[in-house]
Amino acid sequence: MQLDLLVKRRGLDPSAETCLHALCHLMRVPVAGVERGELWRFEVAAGESAAECRERLERAAARAGRYVNQNRDTCTWLDGPQPYPEAAPAGGSVADVWVLDGDGRDAAALEYYRSQAVPALADMRRGVLWRLWLPEPDARAARALAQAITVTRSRRAGLLMNPQAQTAEVLHVLVASPAKEGT
């Protein structure tokens, strides 16, 4: 069973604001918004209770501020793509891009979660989840733009991932619904 935990900063995130500024003003990429969080993907053996595992994993993450600072961060368990943001542009799309250092595995964190939360934890990966608000109404074109924005190829092309040391995956592309476009 796969459990995805998204950890985001409460309020404004300076990293997301800096990324938005760099994309829009320095690289001239048409991005309407950027959100940033850390996505933890846990693989738990079948037969375990999802609710119990989520509770224990979240409690372990926040223990003594180990991986989550509850004064600064919020935790959300994801069951698929997040909804299209209300503040995102009408007629556009949102792309969720997951950037991992290497393959995203962290042996020390995996051992910590096994010992403190879920002994049946089979695997764990973590990385930065970037949510890009794009003015592109077509899902394929939005995916291509998100991939172009992600992979750094020069000082003026790509920003979110160093292909020498990181991997990235476009997890979801959501296109604004017709109801959103009419508002």
C-alpha atoms as a PDB file:
ATOM      1  CA  MET A   1       0.000   0.000   0.000  1.00  0.00           C
ATOM      2  CA  GLN A   2       1.309   3.433  -0.916  1.00  0.00           C
ATOM      3  CA  LEU A   3       0.870   6.356   1.493  1.00  0.00           C
ATOM      4  CA  ASP A   4       1.819   9.874   0.367  1.00  0.00           C
ATOM      5  CA  LEU A   5       2.452  12.580   2.985  1.00  0.00           C
ATOM      6  CA  LEU A   6       2.784  16.182   1.784  1.00  0.00           C
ATOM      7  CA  VAL A   7       4.547  18.566   4.174  1.00  0.00           C
ATOM      8  CA  LYS A   8       4.162  22.266   3.348  1.00  0.00           C
ATOM      9  CA  ARG A   9       4.984  25.514   5.102  1.00  0.00           C
ATOM     10  CA  ARG A  10       2.142  27.447   6.674  1.00  0.00           C
ATOM     11  CA  GLY A  11       1.637  30.819   5.008  1.00  0.00           C
ATOM     12  CA  LEU A  12       4.133  32.059   2.452  1.00  0.00           C
ATOM     13  CA  ASP A  13       6.994  29.818   1.399  1.00  0.00           C
ATOM     14  CA  PRO A  14      10.110  31.882   0.553  1.00  0.00           C
ATOM     15  CA  SER A  15      11.464  29.108  -1.707  1.00  0.00           C
ATOM     16  CA  ALA A  16       8.279  29.029  -3.775  1.00  0.00           C
ATOM     17  CA  GLU A  17       8.214  32.835  -4.001  1.00  0.00           C
ATOM     18  CA  THR A  18      11.853  32.912  -5.135  1.00  0.00           C
ATOM     19  CA  CYS A  19      11.186  30.198  -7.711  1.00  0.00           C
ATOM     20  CA  LEU A  20       8.176  32.102  -9.084  1.00  0.00           C
ATOM     21  CA  HIS A  21      10.237  35.279  -9.376  1.00  0.00           C
ATOM     22  CA  ALA A  22      13.100  33.464 -11.121  1.00  0.00           C
ATOM     23  CA  LEU A  23      10.777  31.744 -13.598  1.00  0.00           C
ATOM     24  CA  CYS A  24       8.687  34.812 -14.434  1.00  0.00           C
ATOM     25  CA  HIS A  25      11.141  37.675 -14.281  1.00  0.00           C
ATOM     26  CA  LEU A  26      14.544  36.174 -14.975  1.00  0.00           C
ATOM     27  CA  MET A  27      13.686  33.314 -17.331  1.00  0.00           C
ATOM     28  CA  ARG A  28      10.488  34.791 -18.860  1.00  0.00           C
ATOM     29  CA  VAL A  29       8.496  31.560 -18.412  1.00  0.00           C
ATOM     30  CA  PRO A  30       4.721  32.095 -18.294  1.00  0.00           C
ATOM     31  CA  VAL A  31       4.013  30.674 -14.823  1.00  0.00           C
ATOM     32  CA  ALA A  32       1.101  32.084 -12.822  1.00  0.00           C
ATOM     33  CA  GLY A  33       2.027  30.502  -9.492  1.00  0.00           C
ATOM     34  CA  VAL A  34       4.363  28.091  -7.702  1.00  0.00           C
ATOM     35  CA  GLU A  35       3.763  25.997  -4.597  1.00  0.00           C
ATOM     36  CA  ARG A  36       6.387  23.858  -2.876  1.00  0.00           C
ATOM     37  CA  GLY A  37       6.280  21.033  -0.377  1.00  0.00           C
ATOM     38  CA  GLU A  38       8.084  17.863   0.573  1.00  0.00           C
ATOM     39  CA  LEU A  39       6.421  14.637  -0.549  1.00  0.00           C
ATOM     40  CA  TRP A  40       7.142  11.495   1.465  1.00  0.00           C
ATOM     41  CA  ARG A  41       6.048   8.268  -0.243  1.00  0.00           C
ATOM     42  CA  PHE A  42       5.794   5.293   2.109  1.00  0.00           C
ATOM     43  CA  GLU A  43       5.338   1.709   0.887  1.00  0.00           C
ATOM     44  CA  VAL A  44       3.675  -0.372   3.614  1.00  0.00           C
ATOM     45  CA  ALA A  45       3.153  -4.124   3.506  1.00  0.00           C
ATOM     46  CA  ALA A  46      -0.380  -5.297   2.683  1.00  0.00           C
ATOM     47  CA  GLY A  47      -2.563  -6.135   5.631  1.00  0.00           C
ATOM     48  CA  GLU A  48      -1.622  -3.049   7.653  1.00  0.00           C
ATOM     49  CA  SER A  49      -4.315  -0.510   8.569  1.00  0.00           C
ATOM     50  CA  ALA A  50      -3.833   2.636   6.467  1.00  0.00           C
ATOM     51  CA  ALA A  51      -5.329   4.883   9.147  1.00  0.00           C
ATOM     52  CA  GLU A  52      -3.091   3.487  11.895  1.00  0.00           C
ATOM     53  CA  CYS A  53       0.015   3.679   9.712  1.00  0.00           C
ATOM     54  CA  ARG A  54      -0.730   7.288   8.761  1.00  0.00           C
ATOM     55  CA  GLU A  55      -1.187   8.277  12.388  1.00  0.00           C
ATOM     56  CA  ARG A  56       2.026   6.575  13.538  1.00  0.00           C
ATOM     57  CA  LEU A  57       4.088   7.905  10.606  1.00  0.00           C
ATOM     58  CA  GLU A  58       2.891  11.473  11.100  1.00  0.00           C
ATOM     59  CA  ARG A  59       3.530  11.294  14.845  1.00  0.00           C
ATOM     60  CA  ALA A  60       7.065   9.961  14.206  1.00  0.00           C
ATOM     61  CA  ALA A  61       7.753  12.686  11.622  1.00  0.00           C
ATOM     62  CA  ALA A  62       6.818  15.397  14.116  1.00  0.00           C
ATOM     63  CA  ARG A  63       8.574  13.832  17.110  1.00  0.00           C
ATOM     64  CA  ALA A  64      10.985  16.483  18.417  1.00  0.00           C
ATOM     65  CA  GLY A  65      10.745  18.274  15.051  1.00  0.00           C
ATOM     66  CA  ARG A  66      12.622  15.388  13.429  1.00  0.00           C
ATOM     67  CA  TYR A  67      11.148  15.804   9.920  1.00  0.00           C
ATOM     68  CA  VAL A  68       8.120  18.058  10.489  1.00  0.00           C
ATOM     69  CA  ASN A  69       8.095  21.263  12.538  1.00  0.00           C
ATOM     70  CA  GLN A  70       4.458  21.531  13.663  1.00  0.00           C
ATOM     71  CA  ASN A  71       4.875  25.242  14.437  1.00  0.00           C
ATOM     72  CA  ARG A  72       5.813  25.955  10.811  1.00  0.00           C
ATOM     73  CA  ASP A  73       4.518  23.078   8.687  1.00  0.00           C
ATOM     74  CA  THR A  74       1.237  21.414   7.772  1.00  0.00           C
ATOM     75  CA  CYS A  75       0.832  17.734   6.899  1.00  0.00           C
ATOM     76  CA  THR A  76      -1.673  16.394   4.387  1.00  0.00           C
ATOM     77  CA  TRP A  77      -2.173  12.770   3.376  1.00  0.00           C
ATOM     78  CA  LEU A  78      -2.813  12.563  -0.362  1.00  0.00           C
ATOM     79  CA  ASP A  79      -5.089  10.072  -2.059  1.00  0.00           C
ATOM     80  CA  GLY A  80      -4.257  11.126  -5.611  1.00  0.00           C
ATOM     81  CA  PRO A  81      -3.770  14.555  -7.151  1.00  0.00           C
ATOM     82  CA  GLN A  82      -4.617  17.651  -5.152  1.00  0.00           C
ATOM     83  CA  PRO A  83      -7.588  19.649  -6.466  1.00  0.00           C
ATOM     84  CA  TYR A  84      -7.190  22.504  -8.928  1.00  0.00           C
ATOM     85  CA  PRO A  85      -6.389  25.598  -6.814  1.00  0.00           C
ATOM     86  CA  GLU A  86      -9.089  28.249  -6.539  1.00  0.00           C
ATOM     87  CA  ALA A  87      -6.533  31.020  -7.090  1.00  0.00           C
ATOM     88  CA  ALA A  88      -5.072  29.407 -10.239  1.00  0.00           C
ATOM     89  CA  PRO A  89      -5.851  31.027 -13.579  1.00  0.00           C
ATOM     90  CA  ALA A  90      -9.021  30.112 -15.446  1.00  0.00           C
ATOM     91  CA  GLY A  91      -8.368  28.145 -18.614  1.00  0.00           C
ATOM     92  CA  GLY A  92      -4.978  26.952 -17.425  1.00  0.00           C
ATOM     93  CA  SER A  93      -3.502  23.881 -15.839  1.00  0.00           C
ATOM     94  CA  VAL A  94      -1.521  22.759 -12.826  1.00  0.00           C
ATOM     95  CA  ALA A  95       1.425  20.364 -12.993  1.00  0.00           C
ATOM     96  CA  ASP A  96       2.776  18.504  -9.946  1.00  0.00           C
ATOM     97  CA  VAL A  97       6.481  17.741 -10.388  1.00  0.00           C
ATOM     98  CA  TRP A  98       8.337  15.540  -7.881  1.00  0.00           C
ATOM     99  CA  VAL A  99      12.106  16.181  -7.736  1.00  0.00           C
ATOM    100  CA  LEU A 100      14.216  13.593  -5.908  1.00  0.00           C
ATOM    101  CA  ASP A 101      17.856  13.630  -4.862  1.00  0.00           C
ATOM    102  CA  GLY A 102      19.114  10.543  -6.683  1.00  0.00           C
ATOM    103  CA  ASP A 103      16.296   8.019  -6.436  1.00  0.00           C
ATOM    104  CA  GLY A 104      14.843   9.662  -3.314  1.00  0.00           C
ATOM    105  CA  ARG A 105      15.747   6.873  -0.937  1.00  0.00           C
ATOM    106  CA  ASP A 106      17.070   7.711   2.518  1.00  0.00           C
ATOM    107  CA  ALA A 107      18.263   4.651   4.449  1.00  0.00           C
ATOM    108  CA  ALA A 108      18.511   6.522   7.761  1.00  0.00           C
ATOM    109  CA  ALA A 109      14.962   7.905   7.508  1.00  0.00           C
ATOM    110  CA  LEU A 110      13.631   4.493   6.441  1.00  0.00           C
ATOM    111  CA  GLU A 111      15.227   2.854   9.483  1.00  0.00           C
ATOM    112  CA  TYR A 112      13.909   5.632  11.739  1.00  0.00           C
ATOM    113  CA  TYR A 113      10.327   5.176  10.516  1.00  0.00           C
ATOM    114  CA  ARG A 114      10.589   1.406  10.841  1.00  0.00           C
ATOM    115  CA  SER A 115      11.792   1.649  14.435  1.00  0.00           C
ATOM    116  CA  GLN A 116       9.508   4.494  15.535  1.00  0.00           C
ATOM    117  CA  ALA A 117       6.300   3.951  13.567  1.00  0.00           C
ATOM    118  CA  VAL A 118       5.735   1.031  11.176  1.00  0.00           C
ATOM    119  CA  PRO A 119       8.000  -2.040  11.377  1.00  0.00           C
ATOM    120  CA  ALA A 120       6.316  -3.370   8.184  1.00  0.00           C
ATOM    121  CA  LEU A 121       7.527  -0.350   6.177  1.00  0.00           C
ATOM    122  CA  ALA A 122       8.875  -1.828   2.938  1.00  0.00           C
ATOM    123  CA  ASP A 123      10.285   1.321   1.335  1.00  0.00           C
ATOM    124  CA  MET A 124      10.275   5.101   1.573  1.00  0.00           C
ATOM    125  CA  ARG A 125      11.233   7.891  -0.807  1.00  0.00           C
ATOM    126  CA  ARG A 126      11.101  11.636  -0.377  1.00  0.00           C
ATOM    127  CA  GLY A 127      11.581  14.670  -2.539  1.00  0.00           C
ATOM    128  CA  VAL A 128      10.378  18.182  -3.269  1.00  0.00           C
ATOM    129  CA  LEU A 129       6.938  18.488  -4.836  1.00  0.00           C
ATOM    130  CA  TRP A 130       6.629  21.573  -7.022  1.00  0.00           C
ATOM    131  CA  ARG A 131       3.138  22.644  -8.131  1.00  0.00           C
ATOM    132  CA  LEU A 132       3.353  24.883 -11.195  1.00  0.00           C
ATOM    133  CA  TRP A 133       0.359  26.975 -12.298  1.00  0.00           C
ATOM    134  CA  LEU A 134       0.603  27.151 -16.063  1.00  0.00           C
ATOM    135  CA  PRO A 135      -1.465  29.165 -18.586  1.00  0.00           C
ATOM    136  CA  GLU A 136      -1.652  26.104 -20.850  1.00  0.00           C
ATOM    137  CA  PRO A 137      -5.190  24.631 -21.350  1.00  0.00           C
ATOM    138  CA  ASP A 138      -3.933  21.401 -22.953  1.00  0.00           C
ATOM    139  CA  ALA A 139      -2.663  18.603 -20.667  1.00  0.00           C
ATOM    140  CA  ARG A 140       0.058  17.377 -23.057  1.00  0.00           C
ATOM    141  CA  ALA A 141       1.390  20.862 -23.692  1.00  0.00           C
ATOM    142  CA  ALA A 142       1.287  21.591 -19.942  1.00  0.00           C
ATOM    143  CA  ARG A 143       3.261  18.392 -19.220  1.00  0.00           C
ATOM    144  CA  ALA A 144       5.873  19.357 -21.854  1.00  0.00           C
ATOM    145  CA  LEU A 145       6.173  22.880 -20.408  1.00  0.00           C
ATOM    146  CA  ALA A 146       6.515  21.488 -16.866  1.00  0.00           C
ATOM    147  CA  GLN A 147       9.297  19.139 -18.003  1.00  0.00           C
ATOM    148  CA  ALA A 148      11.075  22.000 -19.787  1.00  0.00           C
ATOM    149  CA  ILE A 149      10.844  24.177 -16.672  1.00  0.00           C
ATOM    150  CA  THR A 150      12.087  21.360 -14.441  1.00  0.00           C
ATOM    151  CA  VAL A 151      15.319  20.097 -16.033  1.00  0.00           C
ATOM    152  CA  THR A 152      18.184  22.587 -15.770  1.00  0.00           C
ATOM    153  CA  ARG A 153      20.083  22.785 -19.057  1.00  0.00           C
ATOM    154  CA  SER A 154      21.625  26.258 -18.762  1.00  0.00           C
ATOM    155  CA  ARG A 155      21.256  29.451 -16.745  1.00  0.00           C
ATOM    156  CA  ARG A 156      18.258  30.389 -18.867  1.00  0.00           C
ATOM    157  CA  ALA A 157      16.635  26.981 -19.384  1.00  0.00           C
ATOM    158  CA  GLY A 158      15.202  24.843 -16.603  1.00  0.00           C
ATOM    159  CA  LEU A 159      15.344  25.532 -12.902  1.00  0.00           C
ATOM    160  CA  LEU A 160      14.072  22.850 -10.539  1.00  0.00           C
ATOM    161  CA  MET A 161      16.300  19.824 -11.098  1.00  0.00           C
ATOM    162  CA  ASN A 162      19.992  19.160 -11.652  1.00  0.00           C
ATOM    163  CA  PRO A 163      20.085  16.196 -14.067  1.00  0.00           C
ATOM    164  CA  GLN A 164      23.548  15.207 -12.776  1.00  0.00           C
ATOM    165  CA  ALA A 165      22.309  14.351  -9.271  1.00  0.00           C
ATOM    166  CA  GLN A 166      18.519  14.373  -9.281  1.00  0.00           C
ATOM    167  CA  THR A 167      15.559  12.688 -10.920  1.00  0.00           C
ATOM    168  CA  ALA A 168      12.120  14.144 -11.569  1.00  0.00           C
ATOM    169  CA  GLU A 169       8.679  12.898 -12.423  1.00  0.00           C
ATOM    170  CA  VAL A 170       5.576  14.821 -13.476  1.00  0.00           C
ATOM    171  CA  LEU A 171       3.051  13.134 -11.176  1.00  0.00           C
ATOM    172  CA  HIS A 172      -0.131  14.889 -12.273  1.00  0.00           C
ATOM    173  CA  VAL A 173      -1.379  17.487 -14.737  1.00  0.00           C
ATOM    174  CA  LEU A 174      -4.777  18.964 -13.927  1.00  0.00           C
ATOM    175  CA  VAL A 175      -6.583  21.122 -16.472  1.00  0.00           C
ATOM    176  CA  ALA A 176      -9.106  23.703 -15.283  1.00  0.00           C
ATOM    177  CA  SER A 177     -12.648  22.422 -15.541  1.00  0.00           C
ATOM    178  CA  PRO A 178     -15.139  24.250 -17.800  1.00  0.00           C
ATOM    179  CA  ALA A 179     -16.813  25.611 -14.641  1.00  0.00           C
ATOM    180  CA  LYS A 180     -13.483  27.183 -13.625  1.00  0.00           C
ATOM    181  CA  GLU A 181     -13.031  28.712 -17.067  1.00  0.00           C
ATOM    182  CA  GLY A 182     -16.420  30.423 -16.919  1.00  0.00           C
ATOM    183  CA  THR A 183     -15.672  32.277 -13.675  1.00  0.00           C
END
